């Protein structure tokens, strides 16, 4: 079962309340998304650590209900 963009955004914001989140459905199938996530929680962390925080926020949906998520993560300027 596919995830809706609003579900992905809600999970990320639940884990990272200050996050600015933009989600795009890349294929129109609810399985392939791109996300831009900006959060102070990323400051001082490597790109891998930033992505791990987002994957943890998705609570195991990555690879199941959510097939692919292209991530771009940053701390605020």
N, C-alpha and C. Protein backbone atom coordinates (compact mmCIF):
# COMPACT_ATOMS: atom_id res chain seq x y z
N UNK A 1 0.84 -1.18 0.00
CA UNK A 1 0.00 0.00 0.00
C UNK A 1 0.88 1.24 0.00
N UNK A 2 0.59 2.18 -0.87
CA UNK A 2 1.41 3.38 -1.03
C UNK A 2 1.13 4.38 0.10
N UNK A 3 2.10 5.24 0.34
CA UNK A 3 1.95 6.32 1.32
C UNK A 3 1.59 7.61 0.60
N UNK A 4 0.84 8.44 1.26
CA UNK A 4 0.53 9.77 0.75
C UNK A 4 1.61 10.75 1.20
N UNK A 5 1.85 11.78 0.39
CA UNK A 5 2.86 12.79 0.72
C UNK A 5 2.59 13.41 2.08
N UNK A 6 1.34 13.67 2.40
CA UNK A 6 1.02 14.29 3.70
C UNK A 6 1.37 13.38 4.87
N UNK A 7 1.30 12.06 4.67
CA UNK A 7 1.69 11.11 5.71
C UNK A 7 3.20 11.18 5.96
N UNK A 8 3.96 11.25 4.88
CA UNK A 8 5.42 11.35 4.99
C UNK A 8 5.79 12.63 5.71
N UNK A 9 5.18 13.73 5.30
CA UNK A 9 5.45 15.03 5.93
C UNK A 9 5.10 15.00 7.41
N UNK A 10 3.96 14.42 7.76
CA UNK A 10 3.53 14.37 9.16
C UNK A 10 4.51 13.56 10.01
N UNK A 11 4.99 12.44 9.51
CA UNK A 11 5.95 11.62 10.27
C UNK A 11 7.26 12.38 10.49
N UNK A 12 7.72 13.07 9.46
CA UNK A 12 8.97 13.83 9.58
C UNK A 12 8.80 14.96 10.58
N UNK A 13 7.68 15.68 10.50
CA UNK A 13 7.45 16.81 11.41
C UNK A 13 7.21 16.34 12.85
N UNK A 14 6.69 15.14 13.00
CA UNK A 14 6.52 14.60 14.35
C UNK A 14 7.87 14.39 15.01
N UNK A 15 8.84 13.89 14.25
CA UNK A 15 10.18 13.62 14.78
C UNK A 15 11.05 14.86 14.81
N UNK A 16 10.84 15.76 13.85
CA UNK A 16 11.65 16.98 13.73
C UNK A 16 10.68 18.17 13.65
N UNK A 17 10.14 18.61 14.80
CA UNK A 17 9.06 19.61 14.80
C UNK A 17 9.39 20.93 14.10
N UNK A 18 10.67 21.30 14.07
CA UNK A 18 11.03 22.57 13.43
C UNK A 18 11.24 22.44 11.93
N UNK A 19 11.12 21.25 11.39
CA UNK A 19 11.48 20.99 9.99
C UNK A 19 10.56 21.70 9.01
N UNK A 20 11.20 22.21 7.95
CA UNK A 20 10.48 22.63 6.75
C UNK A 20 10.57 21.45 5.80
N UNK A 21 9.45 20.98 5.32
CA UNK A 21 9.40 19.76 4.52
C UNK A 21 8.67 20.04 3.21
N UNK A 22 9.30 19.67 2.10
CA UNK A 22 8.66 19.73 0.79
C UNK A 22 8.73 18.33 0.20
N UNK A 23 7.58 17.80 -0.21
CA UNK A 23 7.50 16.45 -0.76
C UNK A 23 6.96 16.54 -2.19
N UNK A 24 7.60 15.81 -3.11
CA UNK A 24 7.11 15.70 -4.50
C UNK A 24 6.94 14.23 -4.83
N UNK A 25 5.81 13.89 -5.45
CA UNK A 25 5.57 12.54 -5.95
C UNK A 25 6.20 12.46 -7.33
N UNK A 26 7.27 11.71 -7.46
CA UNK A 26 8.05 11.70 -8.70
C UNK A 26 7.38 10.95 -9.84
N UNK A 27 6.63 9.90 -9.52
CA UNK A 27 6.07 9.05 -10.57
C UNK A 27 4.54 9.04 -10.59
N UNK A 28 3.92 9.73 -9.65
CA UNK A 28 2.47 9.74 -9.58
C UNK A 28 1.87 8.44 -9.06
N UNK A 29 2.73 7.59 -8.48
CA UNK A 29 2.25 6.28 -8.02
C UNK A 29 2.21 6.14 -6.50
N UNK A 30 2.60 7.18 -5.78
CA UNK A 30 2.60 7.12 -4.32
C UNK A 30 3.70 6.26 -3.74
N UNK A 31 4.63 5.84 -4.57
CA UNK A 31 5.74 4.99 -4.11
C UNK A 31 7.11 5.65 -4.26
N UNK A 32 7.20 6.65 -5.12
CA UNK A 32 8.48 7.28 -5.43
C UNK A 32 8.38 8.78 -5.19
N UNK A 33 9.06 9.22 -4.14
CA UNK A 33 9.00 10.63 -3.73
C UNK A 33 10.39 11.24 -3.68
N UNK A 34 10.40 12.57 -3.74
CA UNK A 34 11.59 13.36 -3.43
C UNK A 34 11.20 14.27 -2.28
N UNK A 35 12.10 14.46 -1.34
CA UNK A 35 11.83 15.31 -0.19
C UNK A 35 13.00 16.24 0.07
N UNK A 36 12.66 17.47 0.38
CA UNK A 36 13.63 18.44 0.87
C UNK A 36 13.25 18.70 2.33
N UNK A 37 14.21 18.47 3.23
CA UNK A 37 13.95 18.63 4.65
C UNK A 37 15.02 19.56 5.23
N UNK A 38 14.58 20.63 5.85
CA UNK A 38 15.49 21.59 6.48
C UNK A 38 15.16 21.63 7.97
N UNK A 39 16.17 21.32 8.80
CA UNK A 39 15.95 21.29 10.24
C UNK A 39 17.23 21.65 10.97
N UNK A 40 17.08 22.34 12.07
CA UNK A 40 18.21 22.66 12.93
C UNK A 40 18.85 21.38 13.47
N UNK A 41 18.09 20.31 13.57
CA UNK A 41 18.61 19.03 14.08
C UNK A 41 19.74 18.49 13.21
N UNK A 42 19.85 18.97 11.98
CA UNK A 42 20.89 18.48 11.06
C UNK A 42 22.22 19.20 11.25
N UNK A 43 22.21 20.32 11.95
CA UNK A 43 23.44 21.11 12.09
C UNK A 43 24.55 20.29 12.73
N UNK A 44 25.72 20.28 12.09
CA UNK A 44 26.88 19.58 12.62
C UNK A 44 26.88 18.07 12.32
N UNK A 45 25.86 17.59 11.64
CA UNK A 45 25.79 16.17 11.32
C UNK A 45 26.20 15.94 9.87
N UNK A 46 26.73 14.76 9.60
CA UNK A 46 27.07 14.41 8.23
C UNK A 46 25.79 14.18 7.43
N UNK A 47 25.91 14.16 6.12
CA UNK A 47 24.75 13.90 5.27
C UNK A 47 24.12 12.55 5.60
N UNK A 48 24.95 11.54 5.84
CA UNK A 48 24.44 10.21 6.20
C UNK A 48 23.64 10.28 7.51
N UNK A 49 24.17 10.97 8.51
CA UNK A 49 23.47 11.10 9.78
C UNK A 49 22.14 11.85 9.62
N UNK A 50 22.14 12.87 8.76
CA UNK A 50 20.91 13.61 8.49
C UNK A 50 19.86 12.70 7.88
N UNK A 51 20.26 11.92 6.89
CA UNK A 51 19.33 11.00 6.23
C UNK A 51 18.85 9.92 7.19
N UNK A 52 19.72 9.47 8.07
CA UNK A 52 19.31 8.47 9.06
C UNK A 52 18.21 9.02 9.98
N UNK A 53 18.31 10.30 10.34
CA UNK A 53 17.27 10.92 11.16
C UNK A 53 15.92 10.90 10.44
N UNK A 54 15.94 11.18 9.15
CA UNK A 54 14.69 11.17 8.38
C UNK A 54 14.15 9.75 8.28
N UNK A 55 15.02 8.78 7.98
CA UNK A 55 14.56 7.39 7.88
C UNK A 55 13.98 6.90 9.20
N UNK A 56 14.60 7.29 10.32
CA UNK A 56 14.06 6.92 11.63
C UNK A 56 12.67 7.53 11.83
N UNK A 57 12.50 8.75 11.35
CA UNK A 57 11.21 9.42 11.48
C UNK A 57 10.11 8.67 10.71
N UNK A 58 10.48 7.96 9.67
CA UNK A 58 9.50 7.25 8.84
C UNK A 58 9.05 5.93 9.47
N UNK A 59 9.60 5.60 10.62
CA UNK A 59 9.14 4.47 11.44
C UNK A 59 8.98 3.16 10.67
N UNK A 60 10.00 2.80 9.91
CA UNK A 60 10.00 1.50 9.25
C UNK A 60 9.20 1.43 7.95
N UNK A 61 8.63 2.54 7.50
CA UNK A 61 7.87 2.53 6.25
C UNK A 61 8.76 2.51 5.01
N UNK A 62 10.01 2.94 5.16
CA UNK A 62 10.93 2.95 4.03
C UNK A 62 11.20 1.52 3.61
N UNK A 63 11.03 1.25 2.32
CA UNK A 63 11.23 -0.09 1.81
C UNK A 63 9.98 -0.95 1.88
N UNK A 64 8.95 -0.45 2.55
CA UNK A 64 7.68 -1.16 2.63
C UNK A 64 6.63 -0.35 1.89
N UNK A 65 5.84 0.41 2.65
CA UNK A 65 4.82 1.27 2.04
C UNK A 65 5.43 2.37 1.19
N UNK A 66 6.65 2.74 1.51
CA UNK A 66 7.36 3.78 0.76
C UNK A 66 8.55 3.12 0.06
N UNK A 67 8.47 3.03 -1.24
CA UNK A 67 9.50 2.31 -2.00
C UNK A 67 10.77 3.12 -2.19
N UNK A 68 10.64 4.41 -2.54
CA UNK A 68 11.83 5.21 -2.83
C UNK A 68 11.62 6.65 -2.36
N UNK A 69 12.65 7.19 -1.73
CA UNK A 69 12.62 8.56 -1.27
C UNK A 69 13.98 9.20 -1.53
N UNK A 70 14.02 10.12 -2.49
CA UNK A 70 15.23 10.87 -2.77
C UNK A 70 15.27 12.03 -1.79
N UNK A 71 16.31 12.08 -0.97
CA UNK A 71 16.39 13.08 0.10
C UNK A 71 17.40 14.17 -0.20
N UNK A 72 17.02 15.38 0.14
CA UNK A 72 17.94 16.51 0.20
C UNK A 72 17.73 17.11 1.58
N UNK A 73 18.77 17.10 2.42
CA UNK A 73 18.66 17.59 3.78
C UNK A 73 19.67 18.69 4.04
N UNK A 74 19.26 19.66 4.85
CA UNK A 74 20.14 20.78 5.21
C UNK A 74 19.72 21.35 6.55
N UNK A 75 20.69 22.00 7.21
CA UNK A 75 20.36 22.85 8.36
C UNK A 75 19.97 24.21 7.80
N UNK A 76 19.17 24.98 8.52
CA UNK A 76 18.78 26.31 8.03
C UNK A 76 20.01 27.21 7.87
N UNK A 77 19.93 28.15 6.94
CA UNK A 77 21.01 29.12 6.74
C UNK A 77 21.06 30.13 7.85
